[in-house]
Amino acid sequence: MSQPIEVLWTDDALLAVNKPAGLPTLPDGWQPDAPYLVGRLQAEQGRLWVVHRLDRGTSGVLLLARSADAHRSLDRQFAAHAVDKVYHALVAGAPAWDEQTVRLPLLANGDRKHRTVVDPRRGRPALTRCQALERFAGCALVEARPETGRTHQIRAHLAALGHPLLADPLYTRAGIVLPDIAPPLIERPALHAVSLTVAHPVTGQALTLIAPYPTDFSDALRRLRAG
């Protein structure tokens, strides 16, 4: 039986859900026939317009439009970097910094492993503001606020700082020390989209959507806090 999708907000213009990890937003080239989130939602809700997407392994707030007009409004906001996006990540290592602004240009599909890589010459501008929220033995809880929307931006920027997401082998370089905890704290890239703030396309008022942590993320934090 498929996992139910938690609805965070619904009205005539918008639908926001708490995307579960492991379910792609849209079909991907690797498994085009696999279930995907928008397909499931459209089967229940009718036609929806995709405004943004989250990686397969990422959980949290995903916003969709119910009309072409709402989609145009939201698309303009994302293009103008007028959307406030907040993510929480569990990362390897304890950052020496409390706050860090990462301005490193990123190139998607930049190597043989199809990773997003830092590339000063060919990369597109990318900016992520990071804050260390809690430090533990061998890892930390970090808040990331991406002001641009590049593919794998948070994963690539945190890896460039030397603090890749836990359970993200694609971006974990050799030599990175991971927490020696059994069983593993989490079994997917430890990234959750906590909140998203937009101007409502009909009223113009600020709308903040908040997604509670899923069980795997909250359980990992509980274990870390318990020491």
Protein backbone atom coordinates (compact mmCIF):
# COMPACT_ATOMS: atom_id res chain seq x y z
CA MET A 1 0.00 0.00 0.00
CA SER A 2 1.43 3.39 -0.97
CA GLN A 3 2.31 5.91 1.71
CA PRO A 4 -0.33 8.65 2.19
CA ILE A 5 0.76 12.16 1.19
CA GLU A 6 0.33 14.81 3.90
CA VAL A 7 -1.43 17.93 2.58
CA LEU A 8 -0.05 21.14 4.13
CA TRP A 9 -2.26 23.65 2.28
CA THR A 10 -5.00 23.55 -0.30
CA ASP A 11 -7.25 26.16 -1.90
CA ASP A 12 -8.46 27.03 -5.39
CA ALA A 13 -5.00 28.25 -6.46
CA LEU A 14 -2.47 26.11 -4.61
CA LEU A 15 -1.69 22.67 -3.26
CA ALA A 16 1.23 22.13 -0.89
CA VAL A 17 2.28 18.72 0.41
CA ASN A 18 4.94 17.21 2.64
CA LYS A 19 6.82 15.13 0.08
CA PRO A 20 8.06 11.79 1.42
CA ALA A 21 11.65 10.80 0.75
CA GLY A 22 12.14 8.13 -1.90
CA LEU A 23 9.39 9.34 -4.22
CA PRO A 24 10.52 11.44 -7.21
CA THR A 25 8.65 14.66 -7.93
CA LEU A 26 8.41 13.81 -11.65
CA PRO A 27 9.42 10.80 -13.76
CA ASP A 28 13.17 10.52 -14.17
CA GLY A 29 15.30 9.12 -16.95
CA TRP A 30 16.52 6.21 -14.85
CA GLN A 31 13.10 4.78 -13.91
CA PRO A 32 10.53 6.40 -16.22
CA ASP A 33 7.78 3.93 -15.27
CA ALA A 34 8.25 4.21 -11.49
CA PRO A 35 5.59 5.96 -9.37
CA TYR A 36 6.11 9.70 -8.92
CA LEU A 37 4.56 12.31 -6.65
CA VAL A 38 2.85 14.58 -9.17
CA GLY A 39 1.26 11.60 -10.91
CA ARG A 40 -0.21 10.37 -7.64
CA LEU A 41 -1.50 13.81 -6.71
CA GLN A 42 -3.06 14.47 -10.12
CA ALA A 43 -4.92 11.16 -9.91
CA GLU A 44 -6.55 12.45 -6.72
CA GLN A 45 -6.65 16.22 -7.24
CA GLY A 46 -6.94 16.83 -11.00
CA ARG A 47 -4.52 18.81 -13.13
CA LEU A 48 -1.61 20.44 -11.33
CA TRP A 49 1.21 22.71 -12.52
CA VAL A 50 4.72 21.99 -11.24
CA VAL A 51 6.43 25.06 -9.77
CA HIS A 52 9.62 23.50 -8.39
CA ARG A 53 10.87 20.06 -7.46
CA LEU A 54 12.71 18.22 -4.71
CA ASP A 55 15.25 15.44 -5.23
CA ARG A 56 14.00 11.89 -4.87
CA GLY A 57 15.75 11.48 -1.51
CA THR A 58 14.65 14.85 -0.10
CA SER A 59 11.53 15.24 2.03
CA GLY A 60 9.50 18.34 2.83
CA VAL A 61 7.46 21.20 1.40
CA LEU A 62 6.51 20.90 -2.25
CA LEU A 63 4.21 23.54 -3.76
CA LEU A 64 2.05 23.05 -6.87
CA ALA A 65 -0.32 25.36 -8.71
CA ARG A 66 -3.93 24.51 -9.55
CA SER A 67 -4.21 26.95 -12.47
CA ALA A 68 -2.08 28.46 -15.22
CA ASP A 69 -2.46 31.92 -13.65
CA ALA A 70 -1.24 30.71 -10.26
CA HIS A 71 1.63 28.92 -11.97
CA ARG A 72 2.73 32.10 -13.78
CA SER A 73 2.69 34.07 -10.53
CA LEU A 74 4.76 31.49 -8.66
CA ASP A 75 7.12 30.99 -11.59
CA ARG A 76 7.87 34.73 -11.60
CA GLN A 77 8.56 34.64 -7.86
CA PHE A 78 10.97 31.73 -8.17
CA ALA A 79 12.71 33.35 -11.15
CA ALA A 80 13.13 36.60 -9.19
CA HIS A 81 14.52 34.71 -6.16
CA ALA A 82 11.62 36.14 -4.14
CA VAL A 83 10.75 32.81 -2.50
CA ASP A 84 12.15 32.10 0.98
CA LYS A 85 13.24 28.45 1.20
CA VAL A 86 14.51 26.84 4.40
CA TYR A 87 16.07 23.37 4.58
CA HIS A 88 17.49 21.38 7.47
CA ALA A 89 20.36 18.99 6.85
CA LEU A 90 22.32 16.51 8.93
CA VAL A 91 25.92 16.79 7.80
CA ALA A 92 29.20 15.03 8.42
CA GLY A 93 31.52 16.85 10.80
CA ALA A 94 30.94 19.77 13.15
CA PRO A 95 31.34 23.09 11.29
CA ALA A 96 33.84 25.52 12.79
CA TRP A 97 31.56 28.35 11.65
CA ASP A 98 28.21 29.45 13.05
CA GLU A 99 27.10 31.08 9.80
CA GLN A 100 28.48 30.79 6.30
CA THR A 101 27.42 32.27 2.97
CA VAL A 102 28.43 30.04 0.06
CA ARG A 103 28.86 31.74 -3.31
CA LEU A 104 30.21 29.03 -5.59
CA PRO A 105 29.11 28.70 -9.24
CA LEU A 106 27.65 25.28 -10.00
CA LEU A 107 27.58 23.15 -13.14
CA ALA A 108 24.95 20.40 -13.28
CA ASN A 109 26.00 17.04 -14.74
CA GLY A 110 29.55 18.23 -14.40
CA ASP A 111 31.38 14.91 -14.11
CA ARG A 112 31.18 11.21 -14.95
CA LYS A 113 28.92 10.58 -11.95
CA HIS A 114 26.44 13.24 -13.13
CA ARG A 115 27.12 15.34 -10.05
CA THR A 116 26.68 19.07 -9.75
CA VAL A 117 30.20 20.44 -9.40
CA VAL A 118 31.77 23.75 -8.51
CA ASP A 119 33.01 25.25 -11.79
CA PRO A 120 34.13 28.91 -11.74
CA ARG A 121 34.32 29.07 -15.54
CA ARG A 122 31.20 27.24 -16.75
CA GLY A 123 29.05 27.16 -13.62
CA ARG A 124 25.93 29.23 -13.01
CA PRO A 125 25.83 31.64 -10.04
CA ALA A 126 24.60 29.94 -6.87
CA LEU A 127 24.19 31.26 -3.33
CA THR A 128 23.33 29.35 -0.16
CA ARG A 129 23.22 30.83 3.35
CA CYS A 130 24.08 28.26 6.03
CA GLN A 131 23.77 28.27 9.80
CA ALA A 132 24.96 25.60 12.23
CA LEU A 133 22.00 24.90 14.53
CA GLU A 134 23.32 22.02 16.67
CA ARG A 135 26.62 20.15 16.86
CA PHE A 136 27.00 16.51 17.84
CA ALA A 137 29.83 13.97 17.89
CA GLY A 138 30.93 13.75 14.29
CA CYS A 139 28.00 15.54 12.69
CA ALA A 140 25.73 18.58 12.91
CA LEU A 141 22.28 19.95 12.15
CA VAL A 142 22.61 22.76 9.62
CA GLU A 143 20.01 25.17 8.25
CA ALA A 144 20.43 26.02 4.56
CA ARG A 145 18.65 28.85 2.75
CA PRO A 146 19.29 28.64 -1.01
CA GLU A 147 18.70 31.93 -2.79
CA THR A 148 19.13 30.32 -6.19
CA GLY A 149 17.69 27.04 -7.39
CA ARG A 150 20.45 25.00 -9.00
CA THR A 151 20.25 21.22 -9.26
CA HIS A 152 21.62 19.60 -6.07
CA GLN A 153 22.64 23.08 -4.88
CA ILE A 154 22.58 22.43 -1.13
CA ARG A 155 24.21 19.03 -1.48
CA ALA A 156 27.01 20.42 -3.66
CA HIS A 157 27.60 23.54 -1.56
CA LEU A 158 27.72 21.67 1.76
CA ALA A 159 30.05 19.09 0.24
CA ALA A 160 32.29 21.92 -0.99
CA LEU A 161 32.48 23.17 2.61
CA GLY A 162 33.65 19.70 3.68
CA HIS A 163 30.32 18.84 5.31
CA PRO A 164 28.35 16.56 2.96
CA LEU A 165 24.92 15.32 3.92
CA LEU A 166 24.82 12.13 5.92
CA ALA A 167 23.89 9.11 3.76
CA ASP A 168 24.77 10.95 0.54
CA PRO A 169 27.54 8.85 -1.03
CA LEU A 170 27.30 10.75 -4.32
CA TYR A 171 28.73 13.89 -2.70
CA THR A 172 30.86 12.35 0.09
CA ARG A 173 34.52 12.47 -0.90
CA ALA A 174 37.15 10.01 0.26
CA GLY A 175 38.62 11.09 3.59
CA ILE A 176 35.40 12.50 5.03
CA VAL A 177 34.92 11.06 8.53
CA LEU A 178 31.36 9.86 9.11
CA PRO A 179 29.73 9.25 12.52
CA ASP A 180 30.50 5.74 13.80
CA ILE A 181 26.95 4.88 14.83
CA ALA A 182 25.13 1.58 14.35
CA PRO A 183 22.58 1.15 12.99
CA PRO A 184 23.08 4.10 10.60
CA LEU A 185 21.32 7.29 11.64
CA ILE A 186 19.46 7.63 8.36
CA GLU A 187 19.40 5.73 5.07
CA ARG A 188 18.82 8.52 2.54
CA PRO A 189 20.43 11.94 1.98
CA ALA A 190 19.61 13.76 5.21
CA LEU A 191 17.86 16.81 3.76
CA HIS A 192 14.38 18.12 4.61
CA ALA A 193 12.62 21.16 3.13
CA VAL A 194 11.27 22.71 6.33
CA SER A 195 9.47 25.77 5.00
CA LEU A 196 8.61 27.79 1.92
CA THR A 197 7.28 31.36 1.88
CA VAL A 198 5.62 32.85 -1.22
CA ALA A 199 3.22 35.65 -2.05
CA HIS A 200 -0.16 34.02 -2.57
CA PRO A 201 -0.96 34.35 -6.29
CA VAL A 202 -4.52 35.54 -5.59
CA THR A 203 -4.32 37.60 -2.39
CA GLY A 204 -0.70 38.75 -2.62
CA GLN A 205 -0.27 38.04 1.08
CA ALA A 206 2.76 36.17 2.39
CA LEU A 207 2.06 32.48 2.83
CA THR A 208 4.48 30.34 4.85
CA LEU A 209 4.18 26.58 4.48
CA ILE A 210 5.84 24.40 7.12
CA ALA A 211 6.53 20.66 6.84
CA PRO A 212 7.16 18.64 10.02
CA TYR A 213 10.17 16.35 10.02
CA PRO A 214 9.47 12.83 8.77
CA THR A 215 10.03 9.95 11.18
CA ASP A 216 13.50 9.00 9.91
CA PHE A 217 14.83 12.55 10.28
CA SER A 218 13.29 13.15 13.72
CA ASP A 219 14.49 9.72 14.93
CA ALA A 220 18.04 10.52 13.80
CA LEU A 221 17.95 13.82 15.69
CA ARG A 222 16.54 12.13 18.78
CA ARG A 223 19.38 9.59 18.78
CA LEU A 224 21.98 12.33 18.35
CA ARG A 225 20.53 14.45 21.14
CA ALA A 226 20.46 11.43 23.44
CA GLY A 227 24.18 11.01 22.85
